[in-house]
């Protein structure tokens, strides 16, 4: 094997690891920002407001934060076979992205149901 291929591989693997770790920190930062925004909005609402009821436990937000942290941890693992852990980390990050592609209909449902409840 030519040394140029070994050099390219040794340069590429850390670059991928760093990219995945930064991506994970970005996803975590977005999840935390989403949580802070929700809390700020809900503080200005009464406890029985439709928005507060629609939010519920916010399982999606909690799971996305946990998956982001798990992905960052998997990307940071130092093993002799690092490539396996990169795939685990990427699976967590892709899972978070796919999870947020699915629309959350809770707020929309609550806003539609509220006028009907008043009638």
N, C-alpha and C. Protein backbone atom coordinates (compact mmCIF):
# COMPACT_ATOMS: atom_id res chain seq x y z
N UNK A 1 0.85 -1.17 0.00
CA UNK A 1 0.00 0.00 0.00
C UNK A 1 0.90 1.24 0.00
N UNK A 2 0.63 2.15 -0.91
CA UNK A 2 1.44 3.38 -0.95
C UNK A 2 1.24 4.21 0.32
N UNK A 3 2.30 4.88 0.72
CA UNK A 3 2.22 5.69 1.95
C UNK A 3 1.22 6.84 1.82
N UNK A 4 0.97 7.31 0.61
CA UNK A 4 0.02 8.41 0.44
C UNK A 4 -1.40 7.98 0.85
N UNK A 5 -1.74 6.72 0.63
CA UNK A 5 -3.06 6.23 1.03
C UNK A 5 -3.15 6.14 2.56
N UNK A 6 -2.08 5.73 3.18
CA UNK A 6 -2.06 5.66 4.65
C UNK A 6 -2.17 7.06 5.24
N UNK A 7 -1.44 8.01 4.65
CA UNK A 7 -1.52 9.39 5.13
C UNK A 7 -2.93 9.95 4.97
N UNK A 8 -3.55 9.66 3.83
CA UNK A 8 -4.91 10.16 3.59
C UNK A 8 -5.88 9.56 4.60
N UNK A 9 -5.71 8.28 4.89
CA UNK A 9 -6.58 7.63 5.87
C UNK A 9 -6.34 8.20 7.27
N UNK A 10 -5.10 8.40 7.62
CA UNK A 10 -4.81 8.93 8.96
C UNK A 10 -5.27 10.38 9.09
N UNK A 11 -5.33 11.11 7.99
CA UNK A 11 -5.86 12.48 8.03
C UNK A 11 -7.38 12.48 8.03
N UNK A 12 -7.98 11.54 7.31
CA UNK A 12 -9.44 11.52 7.15
C UNK A 12 -10.20 11.06 8.37
N UNK A 13 -9.70 10.05 9.05
CA UNK A 13 -10.43 9.50 10.20
C UNK A 13 -10.61 10.53 11.31
N UNK A 14 -9.56 11.24 11.75
CA UNK A 14 -9.79 12.28 12.77
C UNK A 14 -10.72 13.40 12.29
N UNK A 15 -10.65 13.72 11.01
CA UNK A 15 -11.53 14.76 10.48
C UNK A 15 -12.99 14.33 10.58
N UNK A 16 -13.26 13.07 10.29
CA UNK A 16 -14.63 12.56 10.40
C UNK A 16 -15.07 12.55 11.85
N UNK A 17 -14.20 12.12 12.74
CA UNK A 17 -14.54 12.08 14.16
C UNK A 17 -14.86 13.49 14.66
N UNK A 18 -14.06 14.45 14.32
CA UNK A 18 -14.29 15.83 14.76
C UNK A 18 -15.59 16.37 14.18
N UNK A 19 -15.85 16.07 12.91
CA UNK A 19 -17.09 16.53 12.27
C UNK A 19 -18.30 15.94 12.98
N UNK A 20 -18.26 14.66 13.27
CA UNK A 20 -19.39 14.02 13.94
C UNK A 20 -19.57 14.59 15.34
N UNK A 21 -18.49 14.84 16.04
CA UNK A 21 -18.60 15.40 17.38
C UNK A 21 -19.19 16.81 17.34
N UNK A 22 -18.78 17.61 16.36
CA UNK A 22 -19.33 18.97 16.24
C UNK A 22 -20.80 18.92 15.87
N UNK A 23 -21.15 18.00 14.95
CA UNK A 23 -22.55 17.84 14.58
C UNK A 23 -23.39 17.49 15.80
N UNK A 24 -22.88 16.58 16.62
CA UNK A 24 -23.61 16.19 17.83
C UNK A 24 -23.76 17.36 18.79
N UNK A 25 -22.73 18.16 18.94
CA UNK A 25 -22.85 19.31 19.84
C UNK A 25 -23.86 20.30 19.29
N UNK A 26 -23.91 20.46 17.92
CA UNK A 26 -24.91 21.33 17.31
C UNK A 26 -26.33 20.84 17.57
N UNK A 27 -26.54 19.53 17.43
CA UNK A 27 -27.87 18.97 17.68
C UNK A 27 -28.27 19.15 19.14
N UNK A 28 -27.34 18.95 20.02
CA UNK A 28 -27.63 19.13 21.44
C UNK A 28 -27.95 20.59 21.73
N UNK A 29 -27.19 21.50 21.15
CA UNK A 29 -27.45 22.92 21.35
C UNK A 29 -28.83 23.30 20.83
N UNK A 30 -29.23 22.75 19.69
CA UNK A 30 -30.57 23.02 19.15
C UNK A 30 -31.65 22.46 20.08
N UNK A 31 -31.43 21.27 20.61
CA UNK A 31 -32.41 20.67 21.52
C UNK A 31 -32.53 21.49 22.80
N UNK A 32 -31.42 21.95 23.34
CA UNK A 32 -31.45 22.76 24.55
C UNK A 32 -32.12 24.10 24.27
N UNK A 33 -31.82 24.71 23.13
CA UNK A 33 -32.45 25.98 22.76
C UNK A 33 -33.96 25.81 22.61
N UNK A 34 -34.39 24.71 22.03
CA UNK A 34 -35.81 24.42 21.89
C UNK A 34 -36.48 24.31 23.26
N UNK A 35 -35.83 23.63 24.17
CA UNK A 35 -36.37 23.47 25.52
C UNK A 35 -36.48 24.83 26.23
N UNK A 36 -35.44 25.64 26.13
CA UNK A 36 -35.45 26.97 26.77
C UNK A 36 -36.55 27.83 26.17
N UNK A 37 -36.71 27.79 24.86
CA UNK A 37 -37.77 28.56 24.20
C UNK A 37 -39.14 28.12 24.68
N UNK A 38 -39.35 26.80 24.76
CA UNK A 38 -40.64 26.29 25.25
C UNK A 38 -40.92 26.77 26.67
N UNK A 39 -39.93 26.67 27.52
CA UNK A 39 -40.12 27.08 28.92
C UNK A 39 -40.43 28.57 29.02
N UNK A 40 -39.76 29.37 28.22
CA UNK A 40 -39.99 30.82 28.23
C UNK A 40 -41.41 31.14 27.79
N UNK A 41 -41.87 30.49 26.74
CA UNK A 41 -43.23 30.73 26.24
C UNK A 41 -44.25 30.26 27.27
N UNK A 42 -44.02 29.08 27.84
CA UNK A 42 -45.00 28.53 28.79
C UNK A 42 -45.08 29.32 30.08
N UNK A 43 -44.01 30.00 30.47
CA UNK A 43 -44.04 30.81 31.69
C UNK A 43 -45.04 31.95 31.58
N UNK A 44 -45.25 32.43 30.37
CA UNK A 44 -46.20 33.52 30.16
C UNK A 44 -47.63 33.05 29.98
N UNK A 45 -47.88 31.75 30.06
CA UNK A 45 -49.21 31.18 29.86
C UNK A 45 -49.76 30.65 31.18
N UNK A 46 -51.08 30.68 31.35
CA UNK A 46 -51.64 30.01 32.53
C UNK A 46 -51.46 28.50 32.41
N UNK A 47 -51.47 27.81 33.54
CA UNK A 47 -51.22 26.37 33.56
C UNK A 47 -52.24 25.59 32.74
N UNK A 48 -53.47 26.10 32.64
CA UNK A 48 -54.51 25.38 31.90
C UNK A 48 -54.62 25.83 30.45
N UNK A 49 -53.69 26.63 29.98
CA UNK A 49 -53.69 27.10 28.59
C UNK A 49 -53.56 25.93 27.63
N UNK A 50 -54.15 26.05 26.43
CA UNK A 50 -54.07 24.96 25.46
C UNK A 50 -52.63 24.58 25.11
N UNK A 51 -51.76 25.56 25.04
CA UNK A 51 -50.36 25.29 24.70
C UNK A 51 -49.69 24.44 25.78
N UNK A 52 -49.95 24.76 27.03
CA UNK A 52 -49.36 24.00 28.13
C UNK A 52 -49.89 22.57 28.14
N UNK A 53 -51.18 22.40 27.89
CA UNK A 53 -51.76 21.06 27.84
C UNK A 53 -51.23 20.28 26.64
N UNK A 54 -51.05 20.95 25.52
CA UNK A 54 -50.58 20.27 24.31
C UNK A 54 -49.15 19.79 24.46
N UNK A 55 -48.34 20.56 25.13
CA UNK A 55 -46.94 20.19 25.30
C UNK A 55 -46.80 18.90 26.07
N UNK A 56 -47.55 18.76 27.11
CA UNK A 56 -47.49 17.53 27.91
C UNK A 56 -46.10 17.30 28.46
N UNK A 57 -45.62 16.06 28.37
CA UNK A 57 -44.31 15.70 28.91
C UNK A 57 -43.18 15.99 27.92
N UNK A 58 -43.49 16.26 26.67
CA UNK A 58 -42.50 16.54 25.61
C UNK A 58 -41.47 15.42 25.51
N UNK A 59 -41.95 14.23 25.25
CA UNK A 59 -41.09 13.07 25.12
C UNK A 59 -40.10 13.23 23.97
N UNK A 60 -40.55 13.82 22.88
CA UNK A 60 -39.70 14.00 21.71
C UNK A 60 -38.48 14.87 22.04
N UNK A 61 -38.69 15.95 22.75
CA UNK A 61 -37.58 16.82 23.13
C UNK A 61 -36.60 16.14 24.07
N UNK A 62 -37.14 15.40 25.03
CA UNK A 62 -36.28 14.69 25.98
C UNK A 62 -35.46 13.60 25.30
N UNK A 63 -36.11 12.83 24.41
CA UNK A 63 -35.41 11.76 23.70
C UNK A 63 -34.34 12.34 22.78
N UNK A 64 -34.63 13.45 22.12
CA UNK A 64 -33.63 14.03 21.21
C UNK A 64 -32.41 14.53 21.98
N UNK A 65 -32.62 15.10 23.16
CA UNK A 65 -31.47 15.52 23.97
C UNK A 65 -30.64 14.32 24.41
N UNK A 66 -31.32 13.27 24.85
CA UNK A 66 -30.61 12.07 25.30
C UNK A 66 -29.84 11.42 24.15
N UNK A 67 -30.45 11.36 22.97
CA UNK A 67 -29.77 10.76 21.81
C UNK A 67 -28.57 11.61 21.37
N UNK A 68 -28.70 12.92 21.47
CA UNK A 68 -27.58 13.79 21.11
C UNK A 68 -26.40 13.57 22.05
N UNK A 69 -26.68 13.47 23.34
CA UNK A 69 -25.62 13.22 24.32
C UNK A 69 -25.00 11.84 24.07
N UNK A 70 -25.84 10.83 23.80
CA UNK A 70 -25.33 9.49 23.53
C UNK A 70 -24.47 9.47 22.26
N UNK A 71 -24.87 10.22 21.25
CA UNK A 71 -24.08 10.30 20.02
C UNK A 71 -22.73 10.96 20.24
N UNK A 72 -22.73 12.02 21.03
CA UNK A 72 -21.47 12.68 21.35
C UNK A 72 -20.56 11.73 22.12
N UNK A 73 -21.13 11.01 23.08
CA UNK A 73 -20.34 10.05 23.86
C UNK A 73 -19.78 8.94 22.97
N UNK A 74 -20.60 8.44 22.04
CA UNK A 74 -20.14 7.37 21.15
C UNK A 74 -19.04 7.87 20.22
N UNK A 75 -19.14 9.13 19.78
CA UNK A 75 -18.11 9.68 18.90
C UNK A 75 -16.81 9.92 19.65
N UNK A 76 -16.90 10.13 20.95
CA UNK A 76 -15.71 10.43 21.74
C UNK A 76 -14.98 9.19 22.25
N UNK A 77 -15.60 8.03 22.09
CA UNK A 77 -15.00 6.79 22.61
C UNK A 77 -13.69 6.52 21.88
N UNK A 78 -12.69 6.24 22.65
CA UNK A 78 -11.37 5.93 22.07
C UNK A 78 -11.18 4.42 22.13
N UNK A 79 -11.28 3.79 21.00
CA UNK A 79 -11.09 2.33 20.89
C UNK A 79 -10.11 2.05 19.76
N UNK A 80 -9.64 0.83 19.72
CA UNK A 80 -8.75 0.46 18.61
C UNK A 80 -9.53 0.37 17.32
N UNK A 81 -10.80 0.00 17.40
CA UNK A 81 -11.65 -0.08 16.21
C UNK A 81 -12.64 1.08 16.25
N UNK A 82 -12.15 2.27 16.02
CA UNK A 82 -12.95 3.49 16.16
C UNK A 82 -14.09 3.57 15.15
N UNK A 83 -13.92 2.93 13.98
CA UNK A 83 -14.93 3.05 12.93
C UNK A 83 -16.30 2.53 13.36
N UNK A 84 -16.36 1.52 14.20
CA UNK A 84 -17.63 1.02 14.69
C UNK A 84 -18.37 2.03 15.55
N UNK A 85 -17.65 2.74 16.37
CA UNK A 85 -18.27 3.74 17.23
C UNK A 85 -18.75 4.95 16.45
N UNK A 86 -18.07 5.27 15.36
CA UNK A 86 -18.51 6.38 14.51
C UNK A 86 -19.89 6.07 13.94
N UNK A 87 -20.10 4.82 13.52
CA UNK A 87 -21.41 4.45 12.98
C UNK A 87 -22.49 4.53 14.05
N UNK A 88 -22.16 4.17 15.25
CA UNK A 88 -23.13 4.27 16.35
C UNK A 88 -23.47 5.74 16.59
N UNK A 89 -22.45 6.58 16.63
CA UNK A 89 -22.68 8.01 16.83
C UNK A 89 -23.54 8.59 15.71
N UNK A 90 -23.21 8.24 14.48
CA UNK A 90 -23.98 8.75 13.35
C UNK A 90 -25.42 8.26 13.38
N UNK A 91 -25.62 7.03 13.83
CA UNK A 91 -26.98 6.50 13.93
C UNK A 91 -27.81 7.33 14.92
N UNK A 92 -27.20 7.71 16.03
CA UNK A 92 -27.90 8.57 17.00
C UNK A 92 -28.25 9.91 16.36
N UNK A 93 -27.30 10.52 15.67
CA UNK A 93 -27.52 11.84 15.08
C UNK A 93 -28.56 11.80 13.97
N UNK A 94 -28.49 10.79 13.13
CA UNK A 94 -29.49 10.65 12.06
C UNK A 94 -30.86 10.38 12.67
N UNK A 95 -30.89 9.57 13.72
CA UNK A 95 -32.16 9.30 14.39
C UNK A 95 -32.81 10.57 14.92
N UNK A 96 -32.03 11.45 15.50
CA UNK A 96 -32.56 12.72 16.00
C UNK A 96 -33.11 13.55 14.84
N UNK A 97 -32.36 13.63 13.76
CA UNK A 97 -32.81 14.42 12.61
C UNK A 97 -34.10 13.86 12.02
N UNK A 98 -34.18 12.55 11.88
CA UNK A 98 -35.39 11.92 11.33
C UNK A 98 -36.57 12.12 12.28
N UNK A 99 -36.31 12.01 13.57
CA UNK A 99 -37.37 12.20 14.55
C UNK A 99 -38.00 13.59 14.41
N UNK A 100 -37.21 14.60 14.11
CA UNK A 100 -37.74 15.96 13.99
C UNK A 100 -38.32 16.24 12.62
N UNK A 101 -38.11 15.34 11.65
CA UNK A 101 -38.77 15.49 10.35
C UNK A 101 -40.25 15.16 10.44
N UNK A 102 -40.61 14.30 11.36
CA UNK A 102 -42.01 13.93 11.57
C UNK A 102 -42.70 15.07 12.31
N UNK A 103 -43.74 15.65 11.73
CA UNK A 103 -44.38 16.79 12.38
C UNK A 103 -45.02 16.41 13.71
N UNK A 104 -44.98 17.34 14.63
CA UNK A 104 -45.60 17.17 15.94
C UNK A 104 -46.95 17.87 15.89
N UNK A 105 -48.01 17.12 15.95
CA UNK A 105 -49.36 17.67 15.78
C UNK A 105 -50.04 18.06 17.09
N UNK A 106 -49.35 17.95 18.21
CA UNK A 106 -49.99 18.22 19.50
C UNK A 106 -50.53 19.64 19.61
N UNK A 107 -49.73 20.61 19.24
CA UNK A 107 -50.14 22.01 19.38
C UNK A 107 -51.27 22.32 18.40
N UNK A 108 -51.14 21.85 17.19
CA UNK A 108 -52.19 22.06 16.19
C UNK A 108 -53.51 21.46 16.66
N UNK A 109 -53.47 20.25 17.19
CA UNK A 109 -54.67 19.59 17.69
C UNK A 109 -55.28 20.38 18.85
N UNK A 110 -54.46 20.86 19.75
CA UNK A 110 -54.96 21.60 20.90
C UNK A 110 -55.61 22.91 20.47
N UNK A 111 -55.06 23.57 19.48
CA UNK A 111 -55.63 24.83 19.01
C UNK A 111 -56.94 24.62 18.28
N UNK A 112 -57.08 23.48 17.61
CA UNK A 112 -58.34 23.18 16.93
C UNK A 112 -59.41 22.78 17.94
N UNK A 113 -59.02 22.01 18.95
CA UNK A 113 -59.97 21.53 19.95
C UNK A 113 -60.44 22.64 20.89
N UNK A 114 -59.64 23.66 21.12
CA UNK A 114 -59.98 24.73 22.07
C UNK A 114 -61.25 25.47 21.67
N UNK A 115 -61.40 25.94 20.41
CA UNK A 115 -62.65 26.63 20.04
C UNK A 115 -63.86 25.70 20.14
N UNK A 116 -63.67 24.43 19.85
CA UNK A 116 -64.78 23.47 19.94
C UNK A 116 -65.21 23.28 21.39
N UNK A 117 -64.25 23.29 22.32
CA UNK A 117 -64.57 23.12 23.74
C UNK A 117 -65.34 24.32 24.29
N UNK A 118 -65.04 25.51 23.77
CA UNK A 118 -65.72 26.72 24.24
C UNK A 118 -67.18 26.77 23.78
N UNK A 119 -67.45 26.13 22.61
CA UNK A 119 -68.81 26.19 22.04
C UNK A 119 -69.82 25.34 22.76
